[in-house]
N, C-alpha and C. Protein backbone atom coordinates (compact mmCIF):
# COMPACT_ATOMS: atom_id res chain seq x y z
N UNK A 1 83.64 61.21 -25.69
CA UNK A 1 84.16 61.72 -26.94
C UNK A 1 85.45 60.96 -27.27
N UNK A 2 85.60 60.62 -28.53
CA UNK A 2 86.74 59.83 -29.00
C UNK A 2 88.05 60.61 -28.87
N UNK A 3 89.06 60.01 -28.24
CA UNK A 3 90.39 60.60 -28.14
C UNK A 3 91.10 60.38 -29.47
N UNK A 4 91.44 61.47 -30.16
CA UNK A 4 92.09 61.39 -31.47
C UNK A 4 93.61 61.30 -31.37
N UNK A 5 94.17 61.95 -30.35
CA UNK A 5 95.63 62.05 -30.29
C UNK A 5 96.04 62.51 -28.90
N UNK A 6 97.23 62.10 -28.49
CA UNK A 6 97.90 62.65 -27.31
C UNK A 6 99.17 63.32 -27.81
N UNK A 7 99.37 64.58 -27.41
CA UNK A 7 100.51 65.36 -27.87
C UNK A 7 101.38 65.70 -26.66
N UNK A 8 102.69 65.53 -26.83
CA UNK A 8 103.63 65.93 -25.78
C UNK A 8 104.87 66.53 -26.43
N UNK A 9 105.77 67.04 -25.62
CA UNK A 9 107.01 67.64 -26.12
C UNK A 9 107.77 66.67 -27.03
N UNK A 10 107.66 65.39 -26.75
CA UNK A 10 108.38 64.39 -27.55
C UNK A 10 107.98 64.45 -29.03
N UNK A 11 106.76 64.90 -29.33
CA UNK A 11 106.30 65.02 -30.71
C UNK A 11 107.10 66.08 -31.48
N UNK A 12 107.80 66.93 -30.75
CA UNK A 12 108.55 68.02 -31.37
C UNK A 12 110.05 67.90 -31.10
N UNK A 13 110.48 66.71 -30.66
CA UNK A 13 111.89 66.45 -30.48
C UNK A 13 112.51 67.11 -29.26
N UNK A 14 111.68 67.47 -28.28
CA UNK A 14 112.21 68.04 -27.04
C UNK A 14 111.92 67.08 -25.89
N UNK A 15 112.52 67.36 -24.77
CA UNK A 15 112.40 66.49 -23.60
C UNK A 15 110.96 66.40 -23.11
N UNK A 16 110.58 65.25 -22.62
CA UNK A 16 109.23 65.03 -22.10
C UNK A 16 108.94 65.89 -20.89
N UNK A 17 107.68 65.96 -20.53
CA UNK A 17 107.20 66.76 -19.40
C UNK A 17 106.99 65.84 -18.21
N UNK A 18 107.39 66.30 -17.01
CA UNK A 18 107.09 65.57 -15.79
C UNK A 18 105.58 65.65 -15.56
N UNK A 19 104.89 64.54 -15.72
CA UNK A 19 103.44 64.53 -15.66
C UNK A 19 102.89 64.44 -14.23
N UNK A 20 103.76 64.41 -13.23
CA UNK A 20 103.28 64.23 -11.86
C UNK A 20 102.74 65.51 -11.23
N UNK A 21 103.08 66.68 -11.77
CA UNK A 21 102.67 67.93 -11.13
C UNK A 21 102.20 68.94 -12.17
N UNK A 22 101.17 68.59 -12.92
CA UNK A 22 100.68 69.45 -13.97
C UNK A 22 99.36 70.10 -13.59
N UNK A 23 99.19 71.34 -14.01
CA UNK A 23 97.92 72.04 -13.86
C UNK A 23 96.96 71.45 -14.90
N UNK A 24 95.70 71.22 -14.52
CA UNK A 24 94.71 70.63 -15.42
C UNK A 24 93.84 71.72 -16.01
N UNK A 25 93.59 71.61 -17.31
CA UNK A 25 92.74 72.57 -18.00
C UNK A 25 91.91 71.83 -19.04
N UNK A 26 90.68 72.27 -19.21
CA UNK A 26 89.83 71.75 -20.28
C UNK A 26 89.49 72.91 -21.22
N UNK A 27 89.36 72.57 -22.49
CA UNK A 27 89.06 73.58 -23.50
C UNK A 27 88.06 73.03 -24.50
N UNK A 28 87.33 73.94 -25.12
CA UNK A 28 86.35 73.57 -26.15
C UNK A 28 86.71 74.31 -27.43
N UNK A 29 86.66 73.59 -28.54
CA UNK A 29 87.03 74.14 -29.84
C UNK A 29 86.00 73.68 -30.86
N UNK A 30 85.97 74.39 -32.00
CA UNK A 30 84.99 74.01 -33.02
C UNK A 30 85.51 74.25 -34.43
N UNK A 31 85.11 73.35 -35.29
CA UNK A 31 85.19 73.58 -36.72
C UNK A 31 83.82 74.14 -37.06
N UNK A 32 83.81 75.46 -37.32
CA UNK A 32 82.56 76.19 -37.54
C UNK A 32 82.33 76.35 -39.04
N UNK A 33 81.13 76.00 -39.48
CA UNK A 33 80.79 75.98 -40.90
C UNK A 33 79.77 77.09 -41.19
N UNK A 34 80.06 77.90 -42.21
CA UNK A 34 79.12 78.95 -42.59
C UNK A 34 78.13 78.44 -43.65
N UNK A 35 77.25 79.33 -44.12
CA UNK A 35 76.22 78.94 -45.10
C UNK A 35 76.79 78.47 -46.43
N UNK A 36 78.04 78.85 -46.73
CA UNK A 36 78.68 78.46 -47.99
C UNK A 36 79.56 77.22 -47.82
N UNK A 37 79.41 76.54 -46.68
CA UNK A 37 80.22 75.36 -46.35
C UNK A 37 81.70 75.65 -46.21
N UNK A 38 82.03 76.88 -45.83
CA UNK A 38 83.41 77.25 -45.50
C UNK A 38 83.60 77.16 -44.00
N UNK A 39 84.85 76.98 -43.56
CA UNK A 39 85.17 76.87 -42.14
C UNK A 39 86.03 78.06 -41.70
N UNK A 40 85.92 78.40 -40.43
CA UNK A 40 86.65 79.54 -39.86
C UNK A 40 88.02 79.09 -39.38
N UNK A 41 89.06 79.78 -39.86
CA UNK A 41 90.39 79.59 -39.29
C UNK A 41 90.98 80.96 -38.97
N UNK A 42 91.72 81.01 -37.89
CA UNK A 42 92.30 82.25 -37.39
C UNK A 42 93.80 82.19 -37.58
N UNK A 43 94.36 83.24 -38.17
CA UNK A 43 95.80 83.37 -38.34
C UNK A 43 96.36 84.07 -37.10
N UNK A 44 97.47 83.55 -36.59
CA UNK A 44 98.13 84.13 -35.41
C UNK A 44 99.55 84.51 -35.82
N UNK A 45 99.84 85.82 -35.80
CA UNK A 45 101.15 86.28 -36.28
C UNK A 45 102.27 85.95 -35.30
N UNK A 46 102.01 86.02 -33.99
CA UNK A 46 103.04 85.69 -33.00
C UNK A 46 103.14 84.17 -32.90
N UNK A 47 104.05 83.59 -33.64
CA UNK A 47 104.20 82.15 -33.68
C UNK A 47 103.98 81.58 -35.07
N UNK A 48 103.43 82.40 -35.96
CA UNK A 48 103.23 82.00 -37.36
C UNK A 48 102.46 80.69 -37.49
N UNK A 49 101.24 80.67 -36.98
CA UNK A 49 100.41 79.47 -37.07
C UNK A 49 98.95 79.86 -37.24
N UNK A 50 98.13 78.85 -37.42
CA UNK A 50 96.68 79.03 -37.52
C UNK A 50 95.99 78.24 -36.42
N UNK A 51 94.77 78.63 -36.10
CA UNK A 51 94.00 77.91 -35.10
C UNK A 51 92.53 77.96 -35.48
N UNK A 52 91.76 77.09 -34.83
CA UNK A 52 90.31 77.14 -34.97
C UNK A 52 89.75 77.84 -33.74
N UNK A 53 88.54 78.41 -33.83
CA UNK A 53 87.97 79.09 -32.67
C UNK A 53 87.81 78.14 -31.47
N UNK A 54 88.13 78.67 -30.31
CA UNK A 54 87.97 77.90 -29.09
C UNK A 54 88.92 78.36 -28.02
N UNK A 55 88.69 77.86 -26.81
CA UNK A 55 89.53 78.23 -25.68
C UNK A 55 89.09 77.54 -24.41
N UNK A 56 89.63 78.01 -23.31
CA UNK A 56 89.43 77.37 -22.02
C UNK A 56 87.99 77.40 -21.53
N UNK A 57 87.64 76.32 -20.84
CA UNK A 57 86.33 76.22 -20.19
C UNK A 57 86.46 76.88 -18.82
N UNK A 58 85.65 77.90 -18.59
CA UNK A 58 85.72 78.64 -17.34
C UNK A 58 84.85 77.98 -16.28
N UNK A 59 85.13 78.34 -15.02
CA UNK A 59 84.36 77.78 -13.91
C UNK A 59 82.88 78.06 -14.11
N UNK A 60 82.07 77.01 -13.93
CA UNK A 60 80.63 77.13 -14.08
C UNK A 60 80.13 76.86 -15.49
N UNK A 61 81.05 76.64 -16.43
CA UNK A 61 80.66 76.33 -17.81
C UNK A 61 80.85 74.85 -18.09
N UNK A 62 80.04 74.32 -19.00
CA UNK A 62 80.35 73.01 -19.57
C UNK A 62 80.99 73.29 -20.93
N UNK A 63 81.44 72.25 -21.61
CA UNK A 63 82.17 72.42 -22.86
C UNK A 63 81.34 73.15 -23.91
N UNK A 64 80.06 72.83 -24.02
CA UNK A 64 79.23 73.45 -25.06
C UNK A 64 78.96 74.93 -24.78
N UNK A 65 78.74 75.26 -23.53
CA UNK A 65 78.53 76.67 -23.17
C UNK A 65 79.81 77.47 -23.41
N UNK A 66 80.95 76.90 -23.03
CA UNK A 66 82.23 77.56 -23.27
C UNK A 66 82.46 77.77 -24.76
N UNK A 67 82.11 76.77 -25.54
CA UNK A 67 82.30 76.85 -26.98
C UNK A 67 81.43 77.96 -27.59
N UNK A 68 80.22 78.08 -27.14
CA UNK A 68 79.35 79.15 -27.65
C UNK A 68 79.93 80.53 -27.33
N UNK A 69 80.49 80.69 -26.14
CA UNK A 69 81.13 81.95 -25.75
C UNK A 69 82.36 82.20 -26.62
N UNK A 70 83.20 81.18 -26.77
CA UNK A 70 84.43 81.33 -27.56
C UNK A 70 84.14 81.60 -29.04
N UNK A 71 83.10 80.98 -29.59
CA UNK A 71 82.75 81.22 -30.99
C UNK A 71 82.37 82.68 -31.21
N UNK A 72 81.64 83.24 -30.27
CA UNK A 72 81.26 84.65 -30.37
C UNK A 72 82.49 85.54 -30.23
N UNK A 73 83.38 85.22 -29.26
CA UNK A 73 84.57 86.04 -29.04
C UNK A 73 85.56 85.95 -30.20
N UNK A 74 85.87 84.74 -30.66
CA UNK A 74 86.95 84.57 -31.63
C UNK A 74 86.50 84.54 -33.09
N UNK A 75 85.24 84.21 -33.35
CA UNK A 75 84.76 84.15 -34.73
C UNK A 75 83.62 85.13 -35.00
N UNK A 76 83.09 85.75 -33.95
CA UNK A 76 82.01 86.72 -34.13
C UNK A 76 80.69 86.10 -34.52
N UNK A 77 80.46 84.84 -34.10
CA UNK A 77 79.24 84.14 -34.53
C UNK A 77 78.55 83.43 -33.37
N UNK A 78 77.24 83.30 -33.52
CA UNK A 78 76.48 82.37 -32.71
C UNK A 78 76.51 81.05 -33.46
N UNK A 79 76.48 79.94 -32.72
CA UNK A 79 76.59 78.63 -33.36
C UNK A 79 75.53 77.67 -32.86
N UNK A 80 75.33 76.65 -33.68
CA UNK A 80 74.53 75.48 -33.33
C UNK A 80 75.48 74.29 -33.45
N UNK A 81 75.68 73.57 -32.36
CA UNK A 81 76.56 72.40 -32.39
C UNK A 81 75.82 71.26 -33.07
N UNK A 82 76.48 70.66 -34.08
CA UNK A 82 75.82 69.60 -34.86
C UNK A 82 76.49 68.24 -34.71
N UNK A 83 77.64 68.19 -34.03
CA UNK A 83 78.30 66.90 -33.87
C UNK A 83 79.63 67.04 -33.14
N UNK A 84 80.21 65.89 -32.85
CA UNK A 84 81.51 65.83 -32.19
C UNK A 84 82.59 65.47 -33.20
N UNK A 85 83.74 66.13 -33.08
CA UNK A 85 84.91 65.80 -33.89
C UNK A 85 85.80 64.83 -33.12
N UNK A 86 86.07 65.13 -31.86
CA UNK A 86 86.92 64.28 -31.02
C UNK A 86 87.66 65.13 -30.00
N UNK A 87 88.53 64.48 -29.24
CA UNK A 87 89.31 65.20 -28.23
C UNK A 87 90.80 64.94 -28.42
N UNK A 88 91.58 65.84 -27.87
CA UNK A 88 93.04 65.71 -27.88
C UNK A 88 93.54 66.03 -26.48
N UNK A 89 94.48 65.22 -26.02
CA UNK A 89 95.13 65.42 -24.73
C UNK A 89 96.52 65.97 -24.98
N UNK A 90 96.86 67.07 -24.30
CA UNK A 90 98.18 67.68 -24.42
C UNK A 90 98.89 67.69 -23.08
N UNK A 91 100.18 67.42 -23.12
CA UNK A 91 101.06 67.57 -21.97
C UNK A 91 102.12 68.59 -22.37
N UNK A 92 102.00 69.84 -21.85
CA UNK A 92 102.95 70.89 -22.23
C UNK A 92 103.01 71.99 -21.18
N UNK A 93 104.17 72.62 -21.08
CA UNK A 93 104.34 73.83 -20.27
C UNK A 93 103.70 73.73 -18.88
N UNK A 94 103.91 72.63 -18.16
CA UNK A 94 103.31 72.48 -16.85
C UNK A 94 101.81 72.29 -16.89
N UNK A 95 101.30 71.86 -18.03
CA UNK A 95 99.86 71.79 -18.25
C UNK A 95 99.46 70.44 -18.83
N UNK A 96 98.37 69.90 -18.29
CA UNK A 96 97.68 68.75 -18.90
C UNK A 96 96.35 69.30 -19.37
N UNK A 97 96.13 69.28 -20.69
CA UNK A 97 94.93 69.90 -21.24
C UNK A 97 94.18 68.93 -22.13
N UNK A 98 92.87 68.83 -21.86
CA UNK A 98 91.94 68.13 -22.76
C UNK A 98 91.23 69.19 -23.59
N UNK A 99 91.28 69.03 -24.91
CA UNK A 99 90.50 69.88 -25.81
C UNK A 99 89.43 69.03 -26.45
N UNK A 100 88.19 69.49 -26.34
CA UNK A 100 87.06 68.80 -26.94
C UNK A 100 86.65 69.60 -28.17
N UNK A 101 86.52 68.94 -29.30
CA UNK A 101 86.20 69.65 -30.54
C UNK A 101 84.87 69.18 -31.10
N UNK A 102 84.11 70.16 -31.58
CA UNK A 102 82.78 69.92 -32.13
C UNK A 102 82.68 70.48 -33.55
N UNK A 103 81.70 69.99 -34.28
CA UNK A 103 81.27 70.59 -35.54
C UNK A 103 80.13 71.53 -35.19
N UNK A 104 80.11 72.70 -35.81
CA UNK A 104 79.05 73.66 -35.51
C UNK A 104 78.71 74.46 -36.76
N UNK A 105 77.45 74.85 -36.86
CA UNK A 105 76.98 75.72 -37.93
C UNK A 105 76.82 77.14 -37.40
N UNK A 106 77.07 78.11 -38.27
CA UNK A 106 76.81 79.50 -37.95
C UNK A 106 75.30 79.71 -37.90
N UNK A 107 74.84 80.43 -36.89
CA UNK A 107 73.44 80.82 -36.77
C UNK A 107 73.41 82.34 -36.84
N UNK A 108 72.67 82.88 -37.80
CA UNK A 108 72.61 84.33 -37.95
C UNK A 108 73.79 84.88 -38.74
N UNK A 109 74.10 86.14 -38.48
CA UNK A 109 75.14 86.79 -39.28
C UNK A 109 76.51 86.69 -38.61
N UNK A 110 77.52 86.92 -39.42
CA UNK A 110 78.90 86.91 -38.94
C UNK A 110 79.30 88.33 -38.59
N UNK A 111 79.72 88.52 -37.34
CA UNK A 111 80.14 89.83 -36.84
C UNK A 111 81.65 89.83 -36.65
N UNK A 112 82.17 90.95 -36.20
CA UNK A 112 83.60 91.03 -35.89
C UNK A 112 83.88 90.30 -34.58
N UNK A 113 85.03 89.62 -34.49
CA UNK A 113 85.39 88.95 -33.23
C UNK A 113 85.70 89.98 -32.14
N UNK A 114 85.68 89.52 -30.91
CA UNK A 114 85.99 90.37 -29.75
C UNK A 114 87.15 89.74 -29.01
N UNK A 115 88.37 89.87 -29.58
CA UNK A 115 89.54 89.23 -29.00
C UNK A 115 89.92 89.84 -27.66
N UNK A 116 90.44 88.99 -26.77
CA UNK A 116 90.96 89.47 -25.50
C UNK A 116 92.25 90.25 -25.76
N UNK A 117 92.71 90.99 -24.76
CA UNK A 117 93.98 91.73 -24.90
C UNK A 117 95.13 90.77 -25.22
N UNK A 118 95.14 89.61 -24.58
CA UNK A 118 96.18 88.61 -24.84
C UNK A 118 96.13 88.13 -26.29
N UNK A 119 94.94 87.87 -26.80
CA UNK A 119 94.79 87.43 -28.19
C UNK A 119 95.21 88.54 -29.16
N UNK A 120 94.90 89.79 -28.80
CA UNK A 120 95.33 90.92 -29.63
C UNK A 120 96.86 91.01 -29.65
N UNK A 121 97.49 90.87 -28.48
CA UNK A 121 98.96 90.90 -28.41
C UNK A 121 99.59 89.78 -29.24
N UNK A 122 98.92 88.62 -29.26
CA UNK A 122 99.45 87.48 -30.03
C UNK A 122 99.23 87.64 -31.53
N UNK A 123 98.45 88.63 -31.92
CA UNK A 123 98.24 88.90 -33.33
C UNK A 123 97.15 88.06 -33.97
N UNK A 124 96.10 87.75 -33.22
CA UNK A 124 94.96 87.03 -33.80
C UNK A 124 94.32 87.92 -34.87
N UNK A 125 93.93 87.32 -35.98
CA UNK A 125 93.22 88.06 -37.02
C UNK A 125 91.78 87.55 -37.09
N UNK A 126 90.90 88.39 -37.64
CA UNK A 126 89.52 87.95 -37.86
C UNK A 126 89.57 86.68 -38.70
N UNK A 127 88.68 85.73 -38.44
CA UNK A 127 88.73 84.46 -39.16
C UNK A 127 88.60 84.62 -40.68
N UNK A 128 89.31 83.76 -41.38
CA UNK A 128 89.08 83.58 -42.81
C UNK A 128 88.11 82.43 -42.92
N UNK A 129 87.19 82.54 -43.86
CA UNK A 129 86.20 81.48 -44.11
C UNK A 129 86.61 80.80 -45.41
N UNK A 130 87.08 79.57 -45.30
CA UNK A 130 87.68 78.85 -46.42
C UNK A 130 87.07 77.46 -46.59
N UNK A 131 87.13 76.92 -47.82
CA UNK A 131 86.75 75.51 -47.99
C UNK A 131 87.63 74.64 -47.09
N UNK A 132 87.05 73.59 -46.54
CA UNK A 132 87.79 72.79 -45.56
C UNK A 132 89.06 72.18 -46.15
N UNK A 133 89.05 71.80 -47.42
CA UNK A 133 90.27 71.25 -48.04
C UNK A 133 91.39 72.28 -48.02
N UNK A 134 91.05 73.54 -48.27
CA UNK A 134 92.05 74.60 -48.21
C UNK A 134 92.55 74.80 -46.78
N UNK A 135 91.65 74.73 -45.81
CA UNK A 135 92.04 74.85 -44.40
C UNK A 135 92.99 73.72 -44.01
N UNK A 136 92.70 72.49 -44.45
CA UNK A 136 93.59 71.35 -44.17
C UNK A 136 94.98 71.64 -44.73
N UNK A 137 95.06 72.15 -45.95
CA UNK A 137 96.35 72.48 -46.57
C UNK A 137 97.10 73.54 -45.79
N UNK A 138 96.39 74.56 -45.34
CA UNK A 138 97.04 75.64 -44.58
C UNK A 138 97.66 75.09 -43.30
N UNK A 139 96.90 74.27 -42.57
CA UNK A 139 97.45 73.69 -41.34
C UNK A 139 98.62 72.77 -41.65
N UNK A 140 98.54 72.02 -42.73
CA UNK A 140 99.63 71.10 -43.10
C UNK A 140 100.91 71.85 -43.45
N UNK A 141 100.77 73.08 -43.93
CA UNK A 141 101.94 73.86 -44.34
C UNK A 141 102.41 74.88 -43.31
N UNK A 142 101.72 74.96 -42.16
CA UNK A 142 102.16 75.88 -41.10
C UNK A 142 103.56 75.51 -40.65
N UNK A 143 104.33 76.53 -40.29
CA UNK A 143 105.67 76.33 -39.73
C UNK A 143 105.78 77.19 -38.47
N UNK A 144 105.12 76.75 -37.39
CA UNK A 144 105.12 77.54 -36.14
C UNK A 144 106.54 77.76 -35.63
N UNK A 145 106.75 78.94 -35.05
CA UNK A 145 108.11 79.34 -34.67
C UNK A 145 108.51 79.02 -33.23
N UNK A 146 107.60 78.60 -32.38
CA UNK A 146 107.98 78.20 -31.02
C UNK A 146 107.09 77.06 -30.56
N UNK A 147 107.50 76.40 -29.47
CA UNK A 147 106.89 75.14 -29.05
C UNK A 147 105.39 75.25 -28.79
N UNK A 148 104.95 76.25 -28.07
CA UNK A 148 103.51 76.39 -27.77
C UNK A 148 102.70 76.50 -29.06
N UNK A 149 103.21 77.26 -30.03
CA UNK A 149 102.54 77.40 -31.32
C UNK A 149 102.53 76.06 -32.07
N UNK A 150 103.59 75.28 -31.95
CA UNK A 150 103.64 73.96 -32.58
C UNK A 150 102.55 73.06 -32.02
N UNK A 151 102.37 73.09 -30.70
CA UNK A 151 101.30 72.31 -30.07
C UNK A 151 99.94 72.70 -30.65
N UNK A 152 99.68 74.01 -30.69
CA UNK A 152 98.36 74.48 -31.13
C UNK A 152 98.11 74.15 -32.60
N UNK A 153 99.13 74.30 -33.41
CA UNK A 153 98.99 74.01 -34.84
C UNK A 153 98.73 72.52 -35.07
N UNK A 154 99.47 71.66 -34.37
CA UNK A 154 99.25 70.21 -34.51
C UNK A 154 97.87 69.81 -34.01
N UNK A 155 97.49 70.35 -32.85
CA UNK A 155 96.17 70.03 -32.27
C UNK A 155 95.05 70.43 -33.22
N UNK A 156 95.04 71.70 -33.63
CA UNK A 156 93.93 72.18 -34.45
C UNK A 156 93.99 71.63 -35.87
N UNK A 157 95.19 71.38 -36.37
CA UNK A 157 95.31 70.72 -37.67
C UNK A 157 94.73 69.32 -37.65
N UNK A 158 94.94 68.61 -36.54
CA UNK A 158 94.36 67.28 -36.37
C UNK A 158 92.84 67.37 -36.36
N UNK A 159 92.30 68.37 -35.64
CA UNK A 159 90.84 68.54 -35.61
C UNK A 159 90.28 68.85 -37.00
N UNK A 160 90.95 69.72 -37.75
CA UNK A 160 90.48 70.08 -39.11
C UNK A 160 90.48 68.84 -40.01
N UNK A 161 91.54 68.04 -39.95
CA UNK A 161 91.61 66.83 -40.79
C UNK A 161 90.50 65.85 -40.43
N UNK A 162 90.27 65.66 -39.15
CA UNK A 162 89.21 64.75 -38.71
C UNK A 162 87.83 65.28 -39.14
N UNK A 163 87.63 66.58 -38.99
CA UNK A 163 86.35 67.18 -39.40
C UNK A 163 86.13 67.03 -40.90
N UNK A 164 87.20 67.13 -41.69
CA UNK A 164 87.03 66.98 -43.15
C UNK A 164 86.56 65.58 -43.50
N UNK A 165 87.04 64.57 -42.77
CA UNK A 165 86.56 63.19 -42.98
C UNK A 165 85.08 63.09 -42.63
N UNK A 166 84.69 63.71 -41.51
CA UNK A 166 83.29 63.66 -41.08
C UNK A 166 82.38 64.38 -42.08
N UNK A 167 82.83 65.51 -42.60
CA UNK A 167 82.00 66.29 -43.51
C UNK A 167 81.83 65.61 -44.86
N UNK A 168 82.75 64.72 -45.23
CA UNK A 168 82.59 63.96 -46.47
C UNK A 168 81.35 63.07 -46.40
N UNK A 169 80.96 62.68 -45.18
CA UNK A 169 79.81 61.80 -44.98
C UNK A 169 78.47 62.54 -45.05
N UNK A 170 78.51 63.87 -44.92
CA UNK A 170 77.27 64.67 -44.92
C UNK A 170 76.73 64.81 -46.32
C-alpha cells in the first residue's frame, strides 16, 4: 500500500519523539461511501476534531477483518472494500503506528454505532453522511485542541483528501 505521509510531533511544532523505544501498532481505517455517494465522518467533542471510521488491528485480525469490525462499531454498517487509499505512518506518544486506509461501500442498512466506553467518554457522535467535498472542507477547518487530536485530524484529513482524488476517477 502506498505511503501517503509520515507524521511526527515536528509537524505540530513540538519536540520530536525518540524512535528507539516505541510501541508498534497497526490500524485500519476507511472512507465509507453510502448509496447516495456520501462519506461517513465522526465528530469527536473531546479534542474538537473529526475522524473517519477505523481503529486498531487486534491480535488474530488482518487489516480488512479489523476494518469490517470497526465499520460496524463506529459507523453501524457492514462494508465491501472496493480499493486502497494509502497508508500513513505516525510517531507519537511512545507509539509508532501504521494506519492503512481503504475505500468501502455500505452493504445493507445503516444502523446505530456501538462505541466503546472510551469512545463514548471522548464524545464520539454517530457518523454524519456528507458529500466528500464537504468532508474535505470540514477536516481542513478542524482546530483540534490537543496534540493527539491534531495527529488524528491530520491523518484522517489526508485520507479524505486522497480518497476524493480517487473518487473523481470513478
